[in-house]
Amino acid sequence: MDKIFDKIVLAFAKEENLLLSDDEFIEYDRLIDDEITHGGLAQYDRCGFIGTILAVKINERLPVDCKIVALDPTDTRIDTRTKGQAAYFLANNEIAILTFSLNAITFFPSKTA
């Protein structure tokens, strides 16, 4: 799971989408399950998760100018067209959506409130 976590950190550092291979997704799925089990991802509602503790773990490895903030799934900066089973983060002025699929992280411009 360390390699997948490294890829997640790198995606946030570069603000680049993260698309996983089928083999990588198996490890990613385990990482997500582990984060849910141990509180890194807390379920907010049926589909939404809050990644406050996961953000702390990621921020420990990110440079100072790349820190992320976990968002509540109802945050008005999140475009409703991007909603689904996911956790949301603010990375500079972009919304990073951590999904539970091969498209692990996707960045979108922050919607103006």
PDB file of N, CA and C in Angstrom:
ATOM      1  N   MET A   1       0.814  -1.201   0.000  1.00  0.00           N
ATOM      2  CA  MET A   1       0.000   0.000   0.000  1.00  0.00           C
ATOM      3  C   MET A   1       0.858   1.266   0.000  1.00  0.00           C
ATOM      4  N   ASP A   2       2.112   1.138   0.386  1.00  0.00           N
ATOM      5  CA  ASP A   2       2.995   2.306   0.431  1.00  0.00           C
ATOM      6  C   ASP A   2       3.182   2.929  -0.952  1.00  0.00           C
ATOM      7  N   LYS A   3       3.306   2.086  -1.985  1.00  0.00           N
ATOM      8  CA  LYS A   3       3.503   2.609  -3.337  1.00  0.00           C
ATOM      9  C   LYS A   3       2.283   3.403  -3.796  1.00  0.00           C
ATOM     10  N   ILE A   4       1.106   2.915  -3.462  1.00  0.00           N
ATOM     11  CA  ILE A   4      -0.127   3.616  -3.843  1.00  0.00           C
ATOM     12  C   ILE A   4      -0.229   4.931  -3.073  1.00  0.00           C
ATOM     13  N   PHE A   5       0.099   4.908  -1.781  1.00  0.00           N
ATOM     14  CA  PHE A   5       0.063   6.141  -1.003  1.00  0.00           C
ATOM     15  C   PHE A   5       1.053   7.150  -1.576  1.00  0.00           C
ATOM     16  N   ASP A   6       2.227   6.680  -1.970  1.00  0.00           N
ATOM     17  CA  ASP A   6       3.222   7.569  -2.604  1.00  0.00           C
ATOM     18  C   ASP A   6       2.646   8.200  -3.871  1.00  0.00           C
ATOM     19  N   LYS A   7       1.910   7.420  -4.664  1.00  0.00           N
ATOM     20  CA  LYS A   7       1.293   7.952  -5.891  1.00  0.00           C
ATOM     21  C   LYS A   7       0.239   9.006  -5.556  1.00  0.00           C
ATOM     22  N   ILE A   8      -0.504   8.785  -4.493  1.00  0.00           N
ATOM     23  CA  ILE A   8      -1.509   9.759  -4.068  1.00  0.00           C
ATOM     24  C   ILE A   8      -0.825  11.069  -3.674  1.00  0.00           C
ATOM     25  N   VAL A   9       0.205  10.976  -2.868  1.00  0.00           N
ATOM     26  CA  VAL A   9       0.942  12.169  -2.434  1.00  0.00           C
ATOM     27  C   VAL A   9       1.510  12.905  -3.649  1.00  0.00           C
ATOM     28  N   LEU A  10       2.110  12.169  -4.572  1.00  0.00           N
ATOM     29  CA  LEU A  10       2.683  12.783  -5.769  1.00  0.00           C
ATOM     30  C   LEU A  10       1.609  13.472  -6.615  1.00  0.00           C
ATOM     31  N   ALA A  11       0.440  12.848  -6.723  1.00  0.00           N
ATOM     32  CA  ALA A  11      -0.657  13.465  -7.482  1.00  0.00           C
ATOM     33  C   ALA A  11      -1.060  14.798  -6.858  1.00  0.00           C
ATOM     34  N   PHE A  12      -1.141  14.847  -5.530  1.00  0.00           N
ATOM     35  CA  PHE A  12      -1.471  16.107  -4.870  1.00  0.00           C
ATOM     36  C   PHE A  12      -0.339  17.121  -5.023  1.00  0.00           C
ATOM     37  N   ALA A  13       0.908  16.676  -4.927  1.00  0.00           N
ATOM     38  CA  ALA A  13       2.047  17.589  -5.062  1.00  0.00           C
ATOM     39  C   ALA A  13       2.079  18.228  -6.442  1.00  0.00           C
ATOM     40  N   LYS A  14       1.773  17.445  -7.470  1.00  0.00           N
ATOM     41  CA  LYS A  14       1.797  17.942  -8.843  1.00  0.00           C
ATOM     42  C   LYS A  14       0.446  18.475  -9.303  1.00  0.00           C
ATOM     43  N   GLU A  15      -0.587  18.272  -8.486  1.00  0.00           N
ATOM     44  CA  GLU A  15      -1.957  18.618  -8.855  1.00  0.00           C
ATOM     45  C   GLU A  15      -2.310  17.998 -10.200  1.00  0.00           C
ATOM     46  N   GLU A  16      -2.056  16.694 -10.298  1.00  0.00           N
ATOM     47  CA  GLU A  16      -2.342  15.934 -11.508  1.00  0.00           C
ATOM     48  C   GLU A  16      -3.304  14.799 -11.198  1.00  0.00           C
ATOM     49  N   ASN A  17      -4.190  14.536 -12.134  1.00  0.00           N
ATOM     50  CA  ASN A  17      -5.116  13.422 -11.988  1.00  0.00           C
ATOM     51  C   ASN A  17      -4.338  12.128 -11.795  1.00  0.00           C
ATOM     52  N   LEU A  18      -4.938  11.195 -11.087  1.00  0.00           N
ATOM     53  CA  LEU A  18      -4.311   9.897 -10.845  1.00  0.00           C
ATOM     54  C   LEU A  18      -5.232   8.806 -11.369  1.00  0.00           C
ATOM     55  N   LEU A  19      -4.792   8.143 -12.418  1.00  0.00           N
ATOM     56  CA  LEU A  19      -5.509   7.020 -13.001  1.00  0.00           C
ATOM     57  C   LEU A  19      -4.696   5.767 -12.706  1.00  0.00           C
ATOM     58  N   LEU A  20      -5.320   4.790 -12.079  1.00  0.00           N
ATOM     59  CA  LEU A  20      -4.630   3.576 -11.669  1.00  0.00           C
ATOM     60  C   LEU A  20      -4.829   2.445 -12.670  1.00  0.00           C
ATOM     61  N   SER A  21      -3.866   1.551 -12.711  1.00  0.00           N
ATOM     62  CA  SER A  21      -4.024   0.320 -13.489  1.00  0.00           C
ATOM     63  C   SER A  21      -4.914  -0.633 -12.684  1.00  0.00           C
ATOM     64  N   ASP A  22      -5.360  -1.696 -13.310  1.00  0.00           N
ATOM     65  CA  ASP A  22      -6.187  -2.679 -12.605  1.00  0.00           C
ATOM     66  C   ASP A  22      -5.440  -3.248 -11.398  1.00  0.00           C
ATOM     67  N   ASP A  23      -4.158  -3.561 -11.567  1.00  0.00           N
ATOM     68  CA  ASP A  23      -3.369  -4.105 -10.464  1.00  0.00           C
ATOM     69  C   ASP A  23      -3.200  -3.088  -9.338  1.00  0.00           C
ATOM     70  N   GLU A  24      -2.950  -1.840  -9.694  1.00  0.00           N
ATOM     71  CA  GLU A  24      -2.813  -0.796  -8.678  1.00  0.00           C
ATOM     72  C   GLU A  24      -4.122  -0.578  -7.940  1.00  0.00           C
ATOM     73  N   PHE A  25      -5.241  -0.741  -8.656  1.00  0.00           N
ATOM     74  CA  PHE A  25      -6.529  -0.516  -8.012  1.00  0.00           C
ATOM     75  C   PHE A  25      -6.773  -1.505  -6.880  1.00  0.00           C
ATOM     76  N   ILE A  26      -6.292  -2.712  -7.005  1.00  0.00           N
ATOM     77  CA  ILE A  26      -6.458  -3.702  -5.934  1.00  0.00           C
ATOM     78  C   ILE A  26      -5.822  -3.178  -4.646  1.00  0.00           C
ATOM     79  N   GLU A  27      -4.603  -2.647  -4.755  1.00  0.00           N
ATOM     80  CA  GLU A  27      -3.928  -2.084  -3.582  1.00  0.00           C
ATOM     81  C   GLU A  27      -4.615  -0.809  -3.107  1.00  0.00           C
ATOM     82  N   TYR A  28      -5.061   0.010  -4.041  1.00  0.00           N
ATOM     83  CA  TYR A  28      -5.763   1.253  -3.705  1.00  0.00           C
ATOM     84  C   TYR A  28      -7.046   0.939  -2.939  1.00  0.00           C
ATOM     85  N   ASP A  29      -7.771  -0.065  -3.396  1.00  0.00           N
ATOM     86  CA  ASP A  29      -9.011  -0.470  -2.730  1.00  0.00           C
ATOM     87  C   ASP A  29      -8.725  -0.906  -1.294  1.00  0.00           C
ATOM     88  N   ARG A  30      -7.641  -1.622  -1.099  1.00  0.00           N
ATOM     89  CA  ARG A  30      -7.243  -2.028   0.262  1.00  0.00           C
ATOM     90  C   ARG A  30      -6.906  -0.803   1.109  1.00  0.00           C
ATOM     91  N   LEU A  31      -6.191   0.149   0.511  1.00  0.00           N
ATOM     92  CA  LEU A  31      -5.839   1.368   1.235  1.00  0.00           C
ATOM     93  C   LEU A  31      -7.100   2.132   1.641  1.00  0.00           C
ATOM     94  N   ILE A  32      -8.044   2.264   0.726  1.00  0.00           N
ATOM     95  CA  ILE A  32      -9.294   2.971   1.028  1.00  0.00           C
ATOM     96  C   ILE A  32     -10.046   2.260   2.142  1.00  0.00           C
ATOM     97  N   ASP A  33     -10.156   0.937   2.048  1.00  0.00           N
ATOM     98  CA  ASP A  33     -10.826   0.166   3.108  1.00  0.00           C
ATOM     99  C   ASP A  33     -10.141   0.370   4.450  1.00  0.00           C
ATOM    100  N   ASP A  34      -8.810   0.376   4.441  1.00  0.00           N
ATOM    101  CA  ASP A  34      -8.046   0.579   5.664  1.00  0.00           C
ATOM    102  C   ASP A  34      -8.292   1.978   6.232  1.00  0.00           C
ATOM    103  N   GLU A  35      -8.328   2.985   5.360  1.00  0.00           N
ATOM    104  CA  GLU A  35      -8.588   4.354   5.821  1.00  0.00           C
ATOM    105  C   GLU A  35      -9.996   4.483   6.411  1.00  0.00           C
ATOM    106  N   ILE A  36     -10.966   3.822   5.815  1.00  0.00           N
ATOM    107  CA  ILE A  36     -12.327   3.859   6.351  1.00  0.00           C
ATOM    108  C   ILE A  36     -12.373   3.155   7.701  1.00  0.00           C
ATOM    109  N   THR A  37     -11.745   2.008   7.792  1.00  0.00           N
ATOM    110  CA  THR A  37     -11.737   1.230   9.035  1.00  0.00           C
ATOM    111  C   THR A  37     -11.058   1.983  10.174  1.00  0.00           C
ATOM    112  N   HIS A  38      -9.980   2.685   9.869  1.00  0.00           N
ATOM    113  CA  HIS A  38      -9.194   3.347  10.911  1.00  0.00           C
ATOM    114  C   HIS A  38      -9.450   4.849  11.026  1.00  0.00           C
ATOM    115  N   GLY A  39     -10.485   5.362  10.387  1.00  0.00           N
ATOM    116  CA  GLY A  39     -10.895   6.749  10.578  1.00  0.00           C
ATOM    117  C   GLY A  39     -10.252   7.775   9.674  1.00  0.00           C
ATOM    118  N   GLY A  40      -9.392   7.357   8.758  1.00  0.00           N
ATOM    119  CA  GLY A  40      -8.792   8.318   7.834  1.00  0.00           C
ATOM    120  C   GLY A  40      -9.814   8.914   6.892  1.00  0.00           C
ATOM    121  N   LEU A  41     -10.828   8.118   6.570  1.00  0.00           N
ATOM    122  CA  LEU A  41     -11.980   8.561   5.781  1.00  0.00           C
ATOM    123  C   LEU A  41     -13.226   8.267   6.606  1.00  0.00           C
ATOM    124  N   ALA A  42     -13.938   9.306   6.971  1.00  0.00           N
ATOM    125  CA  ALA A  42     -15.151   9.155   7.782  1.00  0.00           C
ATOM    126  C   ALA A  42     -16.374   9.348   6.889  1.00  0.00           C
ATOM    127  N   GLN A  43     -17.298   8.410   6.970  1.00  0.00           N
ATOM    128  CA  GLN A  43     -18.497   8.508   6.137  1.00  0.00           C
ATOM    129  C   GLN A  43     -19.375   9.653   6.624  1.00  0.00           C
ATOM    130  N   TYR A  44     -19.735  10.533   5.698  1.00  0.00           N
ATOM    131  CA  TYR A  44     -20.556  11.703   5.995  1.00  0.00           C
ATOM    132  C   TYR A  44     -22.027  11.409   5.728  1.00  0.00           C
ATOM    133  N   ASP A  45     -22.290  10.815   4.576  1.00  0.00           N
ATOM    134  CA  ASP A  45     -23.645  10.408   4.203  1.00  0.00           C
ATOM    135  C   ASP A  45     -23.516   9.163   3.330  1.00  0.00           C
ATOM    136  N   ARG A  46     -24.541   8.826   2.607  1.00  0.00           N
ATOM    137  CA  ARG A  46     -24.540   7.583   1.828  1.00  0.00           C
ATOM    138  C   ARG A  46     -23.334   7.475   0.904  1.00  0.00           C
ATOM    139  N   CYS A  47     -22.972   8.537   0.247  1.00  0.00           N
ATOM    140  CA  CYS A  47     -21.868   8.508  -0.718  1.00  0.00           C
ATOM    141  C   CYS A  47     -20.673   9.362  -0.323  1.00  0.00           C
ATOM    142  N   GLY A  48     -20.882  10.345   0.517  1.00  0.00           N
ATOM    143  CA  GLY A  48     -19.827  11.297   0.821  1.00  0.00           C
ATOM    144  C   GLY A  48     -18.970  10.903   2.009  1.00  0.00           C
ATOM    145  N   PHE A  49     -17.692  11.169   1.894  1.00  0.00           N
ATOM    146  CA  PHE A  49     -16.739  10.907   2.953  1.00  0.00           C
ATOM    147  C   PHE A  49     -15.950  12.172   3.237  1.00  0.00           C
ATOM    148  N   ILE A  50     -15.472  12.304   4.465  1.00  0.00           N
ATOM    149  CA  ILE A  50     -14.601  13.416   4.838  1.00  0.00           C
ATOM    150  C   ILE A  50     -13.244  12.823   5.177  1.00  0.00           C
ATOM    151  N   GLY A  51     -12.201  13.350   4.553  1.00  0.00           N
ATOM    152  CA  GLY A  51     -10.862  12.799   4.713  1.00  0.00           C
ATOM    153  C   GLY A  51      -9.946  13.643   5.569  1.00  0.00           C
ATOM    154  N   THR A  52     -10.435  14.124   6.701  1.00  0.00           N
ATOM    155  CA  THR A  52      -9.627  15.000   7.554  1.00  0.00           C
ATOM    156  C   THR A  52      -8.337  14.323   8.002  1.00  0.00           C
ATOM    157  N   ILE A  53      -8.439  13.119   8.504  1.00  0.00           N
ATOM    158  CA  ILE A  53      -7.246  12.424   9.001  1.00  0.00           C
ATOM    159  C   ILE A  53      -6.356  11.996   7.836  1.00  0.00           C
ATOM    160  N   LEU A  54      -6.950  11.576   6.737  1.00  0.00           N
ATOM    161  CA  LEU A  54      -6.172  11.241   5.553  1.00  0.00           C
ATOM    162  C   LEU A  54      -5.408  12.469   5.047  1.00  0.00           C
ATOM    163  N   ALA A  55      -6.053  13.629   5.071  1.00  0.00           N
ATOM    164  CA  ALA A  55      -5.382  14.863   4.647  1.00  0.00           C
ATOM    165  C   ALA A  55      -4.166  15.156   5.518  1.00  0.00           C
ATOM    166  N   VAL A  56      -4.280  14.911   6.818  1.00  0.00           N
ATOM    167  CA  VAL A  56      -3.143  15.120   7.723  1.00  0.00           C
ATOM    168  C   VAL A  56      -1.985  14.212   7.318  1.00  0.00           C
ATOM    169  N   LYS A  57      -2.286  12.943   7.041  1.00  0.00           N
ATOM    170  CA  LYS A  57      -1.236  11.987   6.633  1.00  0.00           C
ATOM    171  C   LYS A  57      -0.576  12.428   5.324  1.00  0.00           C
ATOM    172  N   ILE A  58      -1.384  12.879   4.381  1.00  0.00           N
ATOM    173  CA  ILE A  58      -0.848  13.327   3.095  1.00  0.00           C
ATOM    174  C   ILE A  58      -0.026  14.600   3.287  1.00  0.00           C
ATOM    175  N   ASN A  59      -0.543  15.540   4.071  1.00  0.00           N
ATOM    176  CA  ASN A  59       0.153  16.812   4.298  1.00  0.00           C
ATOM    177  C   ASN A  59       1.514  16.631   4.971  1.00  0.00           C
ATOM    178  N   GLU A  60       1.670  15.561   5.757  1.00  0.00           N
ATOM    179  CA  GLU A  60       2.961  15.293   6.384  1.00  0.00           C
ATOM    180  C   GLU A  60       4.052  15.063   5.349  1.00  0.00           C
ATOM    181  N   ARG A  61       3.664  14.671   4.153  1.00  0.00           N
ATOM    182  CA  ARG A  61       4.624  14.343   3.095  1.00  0.00           C
ATOM    183  C   ARG A  61       4.674  15.400   1.994  1.00  0.00           C
ATOM    184  N   LEU A  62       3.787  16.371   2.034  1.00  0.00           N
ATOM    185  CA  LEU A  62       3.742  17.402   0.996  1.00  0.00           C
ATOM    186  C   LEU A  62       4.587  18.613   1.369  1.00  0.00           C
ATOM    187  N   PRO A  63       5.151  19.295   0.367  1.00  0.00           N
ATOM    188  CA  PRO A  63       5.840  20.564   0.644  1.00  0.00           C
ATOM    189  C   PRO A  63       4.844  21.588   1.202  1.00  0.00           C
ATOM    190  N   VAL A  64       5.355  22.567   1.882  1.00  0.00           N
ATOM    191  CA  VAL A  64       4.516  23.583   2.537  1.00  0.00           C
ATOM    192  C   VAL A  64       3.553  24.253   1.562  1.00  0.00           C
ATOM    193  N   ASP A  65       3.969  24.507   0.341  1.00  0.00           N
ATOM    194  CA  ASP A  65       3.121  25.218  -0.613  1.00  0.00           C
ATOM    195  C   ASP A  65       2.110  24.308  -1.319  1.00  0.00           C
ATOM    196  N   CYS A  66       2.040  23.047  -0.942  1.00  0.00           N
ATOM    197  CA  CYS A  66       1.129  22.099  -1.597  1.00  0.00           C
ATOM    198  C   CYS A  66       0.122  21.478  -0.639  1.00  0.00           C
ATOM    199  N   LYS A  67      -0.023  22.002   0.556  1.00  0.00           N
ATOM    200  CA  LYS A  67      -0.909  21.398   1.550  1.00  0.00           C
ATOM    201  C   LYS A  67      -2.351  21.358   1.049  1.00  0.00           C
ATOM    202  N   ILE A  68      -3.076  20.329   1.490  1.00  0.00           N
ATOM    203  CA  ILE A  68      -4.475  20.164   1.101  1.00  0.00           C
ATOM    204  C   ILE A  68      -5.368  20.290   2.328  1.00  0.00           C
ATOM    205  N   VAL A  69      -6.652  20.535   2.073  1.00  0.00           N
ATOM    206  CA  VAL A  69      -7.651  20.657   3.133  1.00  0.00           C
ATOM    207  C   VAL A  69      -8.808  19.723   2.792  1.00  0.00           C
ATOM    208  N   ALA A  70      -9.212  18.918   3.757  1.00  0.00           N
ATOM    209  CA  ALA A  70     -10.377  18.057   3.547  1.00  0.00           C
ATOM    210  C   ALA A  70     -11.631  18.924   3.550  1.00  0.00           C
ATOM    211  N   LEU A  71     -12.548  18.634   2.629  1.00  0.00           N
ATOM    212  CA  LEU A  71     -13.790  19.397   2.533  1.00  0.00           C
ATOM    213  C   LEU A  71     -14.981  18.536   2.916  1.00  0.00           C
ATOM    214  N   ASP A  72     -15.959  19.180   3.488  1.00  0.00           N
ATOM    215  CA  ASP A  72     -17.255  18.576   3.734  1.00  0.00           C
ATOM    216  C   ASP A  72     -17.905  18.355   2.369  1.00  0.00           C
ATOM    217  N   PRO A  73     -18.552  17.213   2.122  1.00  0.00           N
ATOM    218  CA  PRO A  73     -19.159  16.967   0.806  1.00  0.00           C
ATOM    219  C   PRO A  73     -20.216  17.990   0.383  1.00  0.00           C
ATOM    220  N   THR A  74     -20.698  18.793   1.316  1.00  0.00           N
ATOM    221  CA  THR A  74     -21.696  19.814   0.962  1.00  0.00           C
ATOM    222  C   THR A  74     -21.073  21.185   0.694  1.00  0.00           C
ATOM    223  N   ASP A  75     -19.761  21.263   0.717  1.00  0.00           N
ATOM    224  CA  ASP A  75     -19.079  22.536   0.479  1.00  0.00           C
ATOM    225  C   ASP A  75     -19.534  23.123  -0.857  1.00  0.00           C
ATOM    226  N   THR A  76     -19.877  24.387  -0.858  1.00  0.00           N
ATOM    227  CA  THR A  76     -20.419  25.029  -2.063  1.00  0.00           C
ATOM    228  C   THR A  76     -19.402  25.187  -3.183  1.00  0.00           C
ATOM    229  N   ARG A  77     -18.128  24.990  -2.891  1.00  0.00           N
ATOM    230  CA  ARG A  77     -17.108  25.086  -3.937  1.00  0.00           C
ATOM    231  C   ARG A  77     -17.056  23.833  -4.812  1.00  0.00           C
ATOM    232  N   ILE A  78     -17.721  22.765  -4.377  1.00  0.00           N
ATOM    233  CA  ILE A  78     -17.726  21.518  -5.137  1.00  0.00           C
ATOM    234  C   ILE A  78     -18.870  21.574  -6.141  1.00  0.00           C
ATOM    235  N   ASP A  79     -18.538  21.445  -7.404  1.00  0.00           N
ATOM    236  CA  ASP A  79     -19.541  21.436  -8.466  1.00  0.00           C
ATOM    237  C   ASP A  79     -20.404  20.192  -8.312  1.00  0.00           C
ATOM    238  N   THR A  80     -21.706  20.369  -8.302  1.00  0.00           N
ATOM    239  CA  THR A  80     -22.614  19.239  -8.089  1.00  0.00           C
ATOM    240  C   THR A  80     -22.486  18.175  -9.171  1.00  0.00           C
ATOM    241  N   ARG A  81     -21.975  18.519 -10.333  1.00  0.00           N
ATOM    242  CA  ARG A  81     -21.793  17.530 -11.393  1.00  0.00           C
ATOM    243  C   ARG A  81     -20.690  16.533 -11.076  1.00  0.00           C
ATOM    244  N   THR A  82     -19.856  16.836 -10.089  1.00  0.00           N
ATOM    245  CA  THR A  82     -18.754  15.947  -9.742  1.00  0.00           C
ATOM    246  C   THR A  82     -19.068  15.082  -8.524  1.00  0.00           C
ATOM    247  N   LYS A  83     -20.266  15.184  -7.990  1.00  0.00           N
ATOM    248  CA  LYS A  83     -20.610  14.450  -6.764  1.00  0.00           C
ATOM    249  C   LYS A  83     -20.758  12.968  -7.034  1.00  0.00           C
ATOM    250  N   GLY A  84     -20.392  12.177  -6.054  1.00  0.00           N
ATOM    251  CA  GLY A  84     -20.506  10.731  -6.125  1.00  0.00           C
ATOM    252  C   GLY A  84     -19.869  10.137  -4.887  1.00  0.00           C
ATOM    253  N   GLN A  85     -19.607   8.837  -4.898  1.00  0.00           N
ATOM    254  CA  GLN A  85     -18.955   8.211  -3.753  1.00  0.00           C
ATOM    255  C   GLN A  85     -17.500   8.648  -3.762  1.00  0.00           C
ATOM    256  N   ALA A  86     -17.179   9.577  -2.856  1.00  0.00           N
ATOM    257  CA  ALA A  86     -15.860  10.184  -2.886  1.00  0.00           C
ATOM    258  C   ALA A  86     -15.592  10.987  -1.621  1.00  0.00           C
ATOM    259  N   ALA A  87     -14.329  11.407  -1.515  1.00  0.00           N
ATOM    260  CA  ALA A  87     -13.917  12.390  -0.514  1.00  0.00           C
ATOM    261  C   ALA A  87     -13.360  13.577  -1.300  1.00  0.00           C
ATOM    262  N   TYR A  88     -13.531  14.768  -0.762  1.00  0.00           N
ATOM    263  CA  TYR A  88     -13.181  15.989  -1.482  1.00  0.00           C
ATOM    264  C   TYR A  88     -12.116  16.769  -0.712  1.00  0.00           C
ATOM    265  N   PHE A  89     -11.187  17.337  -1.464  1.00  0.00           N
ATOM    266  CA  PHE A  89     -10.101  18.095  -0.872  1.00  0.00           C
ATOM    267  C   PHE A  89      -9.904  19.382  -1.658  1.00  0.00           C
ATOM    268  N   LEU A  90      -9.455  20.411  -0.975  1.00  0.00           N
ATOM    269  CA  LEU A  90      -9.088  21.664  -1.622  1.00  0.00           C
ATOM    270  C   LEU A  90      -7.573  21.666  -1.750  1.00  0.00           C
ATOM    271  N   ALA A  91      -7.107  21.782  -2.987  1.00  0.00           N
ATOM    272  CA  ALA A  91      -5.675  21.835  -3.284  1.00  0.00           C
ATOM    273  C   ALA A  91      -5.448  23.115  -4.074  1.00  0.00           C
ATOM    274  N   ASN A  92      -4.903  24.113  -3.407  1.00  0.00           N
ATOM    275  CA  ASN A  92      -4.814  25.466  -3.964  1.00  0.00           C
ATOM    276  C   ASN A  92      -6.224  25.916  -4.337  1.00  0.00           C
ATOM    277  N   ASN A  93      -6.491  26.238  -5.578  1.00  0.00           N
ATOM    278  CA  ASN A  93      -7.833  26.676  -5.968  1.00  0.00           C
ATOM    279  C   ASN A  93      -8.601  25.597  -6.701  1.00  0.00           C
ATOM    280  N   GLU A  94      -8.149  24.356  -6.571  1.00  0.00           N
ATOM    281  CA  GLU A  94      -8.826  23.268  -7.258  1.00  0.00           C
ATOM    282  C   GLU A  94      -9.438  22.303  -6.255  1.00  0.00           C
ATOM    283  N   ILE A  95     -10.508  21.672  -6.672  1.00  0.00           N
ATOM    284  CA  ILE A  95     -11.137  20.626  -5.883  1.00  0.00           C
ATOM    285  C   ILE A  95     -10.568  19.304  -6.372  1.00  0.00           C
ATOM    286  N   ALA A  96      -9.987  18.561  -5.465  1.00  0.00           N
ATOM    287  CA  ALA A  96      -9.479  17.227  -5.781  1.00  0.00           C
ATOM    288  C   ALA A  96     -10.493  16.222  -5.260  1.00  0.00           C
ATOM    289  N   ILE A  97     -10.937  15.377  -6.160  1.00  0.00           N
ATOM    290  CA  ILE A  97     -11.939  14.383  -5.797  1.00  0.00           C
ATOM    291  C   ILE A  97     -11.256  13.027  -5.733  1.00  0.00           C
ATOM    292  N   LEU A  98     -11.249  12.438  -4.541  1.00  0.00           N
ATOM    293  CA  LEU A  98     -10.693  11.117  -4.325  1.00  0.00           C
ATOM    294  C   LEU A  98     -11.851  10.136  -4.451  1.00  0.00           C
ATOM    295  N   THR A  99     -11.912   9.454  -5.579  1.00  0.00           N
ATOM    296  CA  THR A  99     -13.001   8.500  -5.812  1.00  0.00           C
ATOM    297  C   THR A  99     -12.542   7.103  -5.440  1.00  0.00           C
ATOM    298  N   PHE A 100     -13.480   6.193  -5.414  1.00  0.00           N
ATOM    299  CA  PHE A 100     -13.164   4.810  -5.082  1.00  0.00           C
ATOM    300  C   PHE A 100     -13.216   3.975  -6.350  1.00  0.00           C
ATOM    301  N   SER A 101     -12.515   4.474  -7.375  1.00  0.00           N
ATOM    302  CA  SER A 101     -12.490   3.818  -8.684  1.00  0.00           C
ATOM    303  C   SER A 101     -11.093   3.953  -9.283  1.00  0.00           C
ATOM    304  N   LEU A 102     -10.911   3.454 -10.497  1.00  0.00           N
ATOM    305  CA  LEU A 102      -9.611   3.569 -11.169  1.00  0.00           C
ATOM    306  C   LEU A 102      -9.183   5.018 -11.341  1.00  0.00           C
ATOM    307  N   ASN A 103     -10.155   5.921 -11.499  1.00  0.00           N
ATOM    308  CA  ASN A 103      -9.858   7.358 -11.560  1.00  0.00           C
ATOM    309  C   ASN A 103      -9.729   7.847 -10.127  1.00  0.00           C
ATOM    310  N   ALA A 104      -8.633   7.503  -9.490  1.00  0.00           N
ATOM    311  CA  ALA A 104      -8.471   7.716  -8.056  1.00  0.00           C
ATOM    312  C   ALA A 104      -8.584   9.179  -7.645  1.00  0.00           C
ATOM    313  N   ILE A 105      -7.915  10.063  -8.371  1.00  0.00           N
ATOM    314  CA  ILE A 105      -7.961  11.490  -8.040  1.00  0.00           C
ATOM    315  C   ILE A 105      -8.180  12.278  -9.320  1.00  0.00           C
ATOM    316  N   THR A 106      -9.143  13.166  -9.269  1.00  0.00           N
ATOM    317  CA  THR A 106      -9.415  14.052 -10.392  1.00  0.00           C
ATOM    318  C   THR A 106      -9.508  15.468  -9.852  1.00  0.00           C
ATOM    319  N   PHE A 107      -8.848  16.393 -10.528  1.00  0.00           N
ATOM    320  CA  PHE A 107      -8.864  17.800 -10.129  1.00  0.00           C
ATOM    321  C   PHE A 107      -9.851  18.578 -10.996  1.00  0.00           C
ATOM    322  N   PHE A 108     -10.608  19.459 -10.344  1.00  0.00           N
ATOM    323  CA  PHE A 108     -11.550  20.342 -11.021  1.00  0.00           C
ATOM    324  C   PHE A 108     -11.352  21.753 -10.474  1.00  0.00           C
ATOM    325  N   PRO A 109     -11.599  22.763 -11.279  1.00  0.00           N
ATOM    326  CA  PRO A 109     -11.550  24.125 -10.729  1.00  0.00           C
ATOM    327  C   PRO A 109     -12.585  24.267  -9.616  1.00  0.00           C
ATOM    328  N   SER A 110     -12.242  25.042  -8.631  1.00  0.00           N
ATOM    329  CA  SER A 110     -13.172  25.311  -7.550  1.00  0.00           C
ATOM    330  C   SER A 110     -14.310  26.172  -8.062  1.00  0.00           C
ATOM    331  N   LYS A 111     -15.531  25.779  -7.732  1.00  0.00           N
ATOM    332  CA  LYS A 111     -16.702  26.558  -8.127  1.00  0.00           C
ATOM    333  C   LYS A 111     -16.756  27.798  -7.248  1.00  0.00           C
ATOM    334  N   THR A 112     -17.035  28.936  -7.833  1.00  0.00           N
ATOM    335  CA  THR A 112     -17.151  30.158  -7.025  1.00  0.00           C
ATOM    336  C   THR A 112     -18.499  30.134  -6.327  1.00  0.00           C
ATOM    337  N   ALA A 113     -18.472  30.509  -5.067  1.00  0.00           N
ATOM    338  CA  ALA A 113     -19.681  30.473  -4.242  1.00  0.00           C
ATOM    339  C   ALA A 113     -20.669  31.532  -4.608  1.00  0.00           C
TER     340      ALA A 113
END
